[in-house]
C-alpha atoms as a PDB file:
ATOM      1  CA  MET A   1       2.774 -31.487  14.947  1.00  0.00           C
ATOM      2  CA  THR A   2       5.212 -29.089  13.301  1.00  0.00           C
ATOM      3  CA  LEU A   3       5.691 -25.400  14.078  1.00  0.00           C
ATOM      4  CA  HIS A   4       6.878 -23.125  11.253  1.00  0.00           C
ATOM      5  CA  ARG A   5       7.888 -19.451  11.146  1.00  0.00           C
ATOM      6  CA  TRP A   6       7.396 -17.622   7.843  1.00  0.00           C
ATOM      7  CA  GLU A   7      10.574 -15.620   8.360  1.00  0.00           C
ATOM      8  CA  ASP A   8      12.576 -18.878   8.511  1.00  0.00           C
ATOM      9  CA  ILE A   9      11.382 -19.892   5.033  1.00  0.00           C
ATOM     10  CA  PRO A  10      13.206 -18.115   2.195  1.00  0.00           C
ATOM     11  CA  LYS A  11      11.087 -16.444  -0.476  1.00  0.00           C
ATOM     12  CA  GLU A  12      11.331 -18.220  -3.822  1.00  0.00           C
ATOM     13  CA  GLN A  13      11.606 -15.638  -6.619  1.00  0.00           C
ATOM     14  CA  LEU A  14       9.747 -17.317  -9.495  1.00  0.00           C
ATOM     15  CA  ASN A  15      10.042 -14.409 -11.909  1.00  0.00           C
ATOM     16  CA  PRO A  16      10.950 -10.715 -11.606  1.00  0.00           C
ATOM     17  CA  LYS A  17       7.432  -9.796 -10.378  1.00  0.00           C
ATOM     18  CA  LEU A  18       6.354 -12.839  -8.338  1.00  0.00           C
ATOM     19  CA  ALA A  19       7.721 -14.540  -5.226  1.00  0.00           C
ATOM     20  CA  ARG A  20       6.298 -17.089  -2.812  1.00  0.00           C
ATOM     21  CA  ARG A  21       6.891 -19.354   0.131  1.00  0.00           C
ATOM     22  CA  PHE A  22       4.772 -22.267   1.220  1.00  0.00           C
ATOM     23  CA  ILE A  23       4.278 -24.881   3.905  1.00  0.00           C
ATOM     24  CA  THR A  24       2.694 -28.270   3.312  1.00  0.00           C
ATOM     25  CA  GLY A  25       0.902 -30.707   5.534  1.00  0.00           C
ATOM     26  CA  GLU A  26      -0.466 -34.107   4.568  1.00  0.00           C
ATOM     27  CA  ARG A  27      -3.728 -32.770   3.116  1.00  0.00           C
ATOM     28  CA  ALA A  28      -3.336 -29.008   2.792  1.00  0.00           C
ATOM     29  CA  MET A  29      -0.841 -26.312   1.843  1.00  0.00           C
ATOM     30  CA  VAL A  30      -0.609 -22.643   2.784  1.00  0.00           C
ATOM     31  CA  SER A  31       1.366 -20.127   0.736  1.00  0.00           C
ATOM     32  CA  GLN A  32       2.365 -16.508   0.826  1.00  0.00           C
ATOM     33  CA  ILE A  33       2.320 -14.987  -2.674  1.00  0.00           C
ATOM     34  CA  TYR A  34       3.937 -11.620  -3.393  1.00  0.00           C
ATOM     35  CA  LEU A  35       2.975 -10.029  -6.718  1.00  0.00           C
ATOM     36  CA  ASP A  36       4.340  -6.709  -7.961  1.00  0.00           C
ATOM     37  CA  LYS A  37       1.910  -4.431  -9.761  1.00  0.00           C
ATOM     38  CA  GLY A  38       1.457  -5.756 -13.309  1.00  0.00           C
ATOM     39  CA  SER A  39       2.385  -9.334 -12.436  1.00  0.00           C
ATOM     40  CA  VAL A  40       0.355 -11.857 -14.445  1.00  0.00           C
ATOM     41  CA  VAL A  41      -0.449 -15.416 -13.426  1.00  0.00           C
ATOM     42  CA  PRO A  42      -1.346 -17.157 -16.724  1.00  0.00           C
ATOM     43  CA  THR A  43      -4.412 -19.345 -17.131  1.00  0.00           C
ATOM     44  CA  HIS A  44      -3.951 -22.635 -15.317  1.00  0.00           C
ATOM     45  CA  THR A  45      -5.925 -25.303 -13.522  1.00  0.00           C
ATOM     46  CA  HIS A  46      -5.212 -27.746 -10.710  1.00  0.00           C
ATOM     47  CA  GLU A  47      -6.897 -30.485  -8.732  1.00  0.00           C
ATOM     48  CA  ALA A  48      -6.683 -28.507  -5.487  1.00  0.00           C
ATOM     49  CA  GLU A  49      -9.478 -26.378  -4.157  1.00  0.00           C
ATOM     50  CA  GLN A  50      -7.998 -22.913  -3.570  1.00  0.00           C
ATOM     51  CA  ILE A  51      -8.922 -20.342  -0.947  1.00  0.00           C
ATOM     52  CA  SER A  52      -7.283 -16.978  -1.652  1.00  0.00           C
ATOM     53  CA  TYR A  53      -7.195 -14.211   0.933  1.00  0.00           C
ATOM     54  CA  VAL A  54      -5.897 -10.897  -0.394  1.00  0.00           C
ATOM     55  CA  VAL A  55      -4.100  -9.360   2.577  1.00  0.00           C
ATOM     56  CA  GLU A  56      -2.818  -6.263   0.721  1.00  0.00           C
ATOM     57  CA  GLY A  57      -3.435  -4.968  -2.785  1.00  0.00           C
ATOM     58  CA  VAL A  58      -5.877  -5.958  -5.526  1.00  0.00           C
ATOM     59  CA  LEU A  59      -5.993  -9.002  -7.810  1.00  0.00           C
ATOM     60  CA  ARG A  60      -8.031  -9.028 -11.014  1.00  0.00           C
ATOM     61  CA  LEU A  61      -9.235 -12.558 -11.775  1.00  0.00           C
ATOM     62  CA  TRP A  62     -10.843 -14.422 -14.624  1.00  0.00           C
ATOM     63  CA  LEU A  63     -12.511 -17.747 -13.725  1.00  0.00           C
ATOM     64  CA  GLY A  64     -13.652 -20.489 -16.090  1.00  0.00           C
ATOM     65  CA  ALA A  65     -15.221 -19.177 -19.290  1.00  0.00           C
ATOM     66  CA  GLU A  66     -15.925 -15.748 -17.756  1.00  0.00           C
ATOM     67  CA  GLU A  67     -14.971 -13.005 -20.184  1.00  0.00           C
ATOM     68  CA  ARG A  68     -15.523 -10.281 -17.611  1.00  0.00           C
ATOM     69  CA  PRO A  69     -12.913 -10.096 -14.851  1.00  0.00           C
ATOM     70  CA  PHE A  70     -13.612  -9.195 -11.241  1.00  0.00           C
ATOM     71  CA  ASP A  71     -11.389  -7.664  -8.605  1.00  0.00           C
ATOM     72  CA  VAL A  72     -10.542  -9.169  -5.227  1.00  0.00           C
ATOM     73  CA  ARG A  73      -9.369  -6.500  -2.794  1.00  0.00           C
ATOM     74  CA  ALA A  74      -7.550  -6.482   0.539  1.00  0.00           C
ATOM     75  CA  GLY A  75      -9.701  -8.168   3.165  1.00  0.00           C
ATOM     76  CA  GLU A  76     -11.635 -10.262   0.639  1.00  0.00           C
ATOM     77  CA  ILE A  77     -11.512 -14.042   0.206  1.00  0.00           C
ATOM     78  CA  LEU A  78     -12.145 -15.978  -2.998  1.00  0.00           C
ATOM     79  CA  VAL A  79     -12.824 -19.730  -3.142  1.00  0.00           C
ATOM     80  CA  ILE A  80     -11.801 -21.339  -6.439  1.00  0.00           C
ATOM     81  CA  PRO A  81     -13.227 -24.850  -6.890  1.00  0.00           C
ATOM     82  CA  SER A  82     -11.079 -27.751  -8.029  1.00  0.00           C
ATOM     83  CA  SER A  83     -10.236 -27.899 -11.770  1.00  0.00           C
ATOM     84  CA  VAL A  84     -11.637 -24.449 -12.669  1.00  0.00           C
ATOM     85  CA  PRO A  85      -9.318 -22.616 -15.100  1.00  0.00           C
ATOM     86  CA  HIS A  86      -8.279 -19.202 -13.785  1.00  0.00           C
ATOM     87  CA  ARG A  87      -5.788 -16.395 -14.320  1.00  0.00           C
ATOM     88  CA  ALA A  88      -4.873 -13.248 -12.414  1.00  0.00           C
ATOM     89  CA  GLU A  89      -3.220  -9.868 -12.718  1.00  0.00           C
ATOM     90  CA  ALA A  90      -1.992  -7.725  -9.817  1.00  0.00           C
ATOM     91  CA  LEU A  91      -3.477  -4.224 -10.143  1.00  0.00           C
ATOM     92  CA  GLU A  92      -1.321  -3.068  -7.213  1.00  0.00           C
ATOM     93  CA  ASP A  93       1.571  -4.585  -5.309  1.00  0.00           C
ATOM     94  CA  THR A  94      -0.261  -7.494  -3.698  1.00  0.00           C
ATOM     95  CA  TYR A  95       0.274  -9.921  -0.840  1.00  0.00           C
ATOM     96  CA  ASP A  96      -2.010 -12.939  -1.124  1.00  0.00           C
ATOM     97  CA  LEU A  97      -2.364 -15.854   1.296  1.00  0.00           C
ATOM     98  CA  ASP A  98      -3.506 -19.026  -0.500  1.00  0.00           C
ATOM     99  CA  ILE A  99      -4.636 -22.320   0.977  1.00  0.00           C
ATOM    100  CA  PHE A 100      -4.762 -25.420  -1.231  1.00  0.00           C
ATOM    101  CA  SER A 101      -6.241 -28.831  -0.547  1.00  0.00           C
ATOM    102  CA  PRO A 102      -4.761 -31.212  -1.485  1.00  0.00           C
ATOM    103  CA  PRO A 103      -1.219 -29.765  -1.597  1.00  0.00           C
ATOM    104  CA  ARG A 104       0.012 -28.651  -5.032  1.00  0.00           C
ATOM    105  CA  GLN A 105       2.411 -31.386  -6.149  1.00  0.00           C
ATOM    106  CA  ASP A 106       3.452 -29.298  -9.174  1.00  0.00           C
ATOM    107  CA  TRP A 107       4.780 -26.631  -6.767  1.00  0.00           C
ATOM    108  CA  ILE A 108       6.440 -29.137  -4.453  1.00  0.00           C
ATOM    109  CA  GLU A 109       8.174 -30.847  -7.398  1.00  0.00           C
ATOM    110  CA  GLY A 110       9.009 -27.617  -9.263  1.00  0.00           C
ATOM    111  CA  ARG A 111       6.718 -28.415 -12.223  1.00  0.00           C
ATOM    112  CA  ASP A 112       5.041 -25.000 -12.171  1.00  0.00           C
ATOM    113  CA  SER A 113       6.630 -23.524 -15.294  1.00  0.00           C
ATOM    114  CA  TYR A 114       3.568 -21.317 -15.898  1.00  0.00           C
ATOM    115  CA  LEU A 115       4.798 -19.117 -12.999  1.00  0.00           C
ATOM    116  CA  ARG A 116       8.501 -19.056 -13.795  1.00  0.00           C
ATOM    117  CA  GLY A 117      10.474 -16.741 -16.010  1.00  0.00           C
ATOM    118  CA  ARG A 118       7.803 -14.162 -16.898  1.00  0.00           C
END
């Protein structure tokens, strides 16, 4: 068993509009994602199932081949199945809590270039 405190984990600034921190276990990962209004997460896919809880703000998402986006607002939870391509845009300053299973090895190893430098 390991106890963590979010405030003890420094935020990682991935680009000027997006920061995060995360904690991993053996089979799951939880992350805090901070997106400034206008922040874009480009289309990507991953093995992990993703559960996204928008704590504050609004995220506009496109999933799979969907041409029409939909908005996920504060208090709403979206489940993204494994290997489904998706992208997002923050319509407001947004705080999102994401859970991934299994943990995202690309994040752990720093191979998440799609998030960096935008």
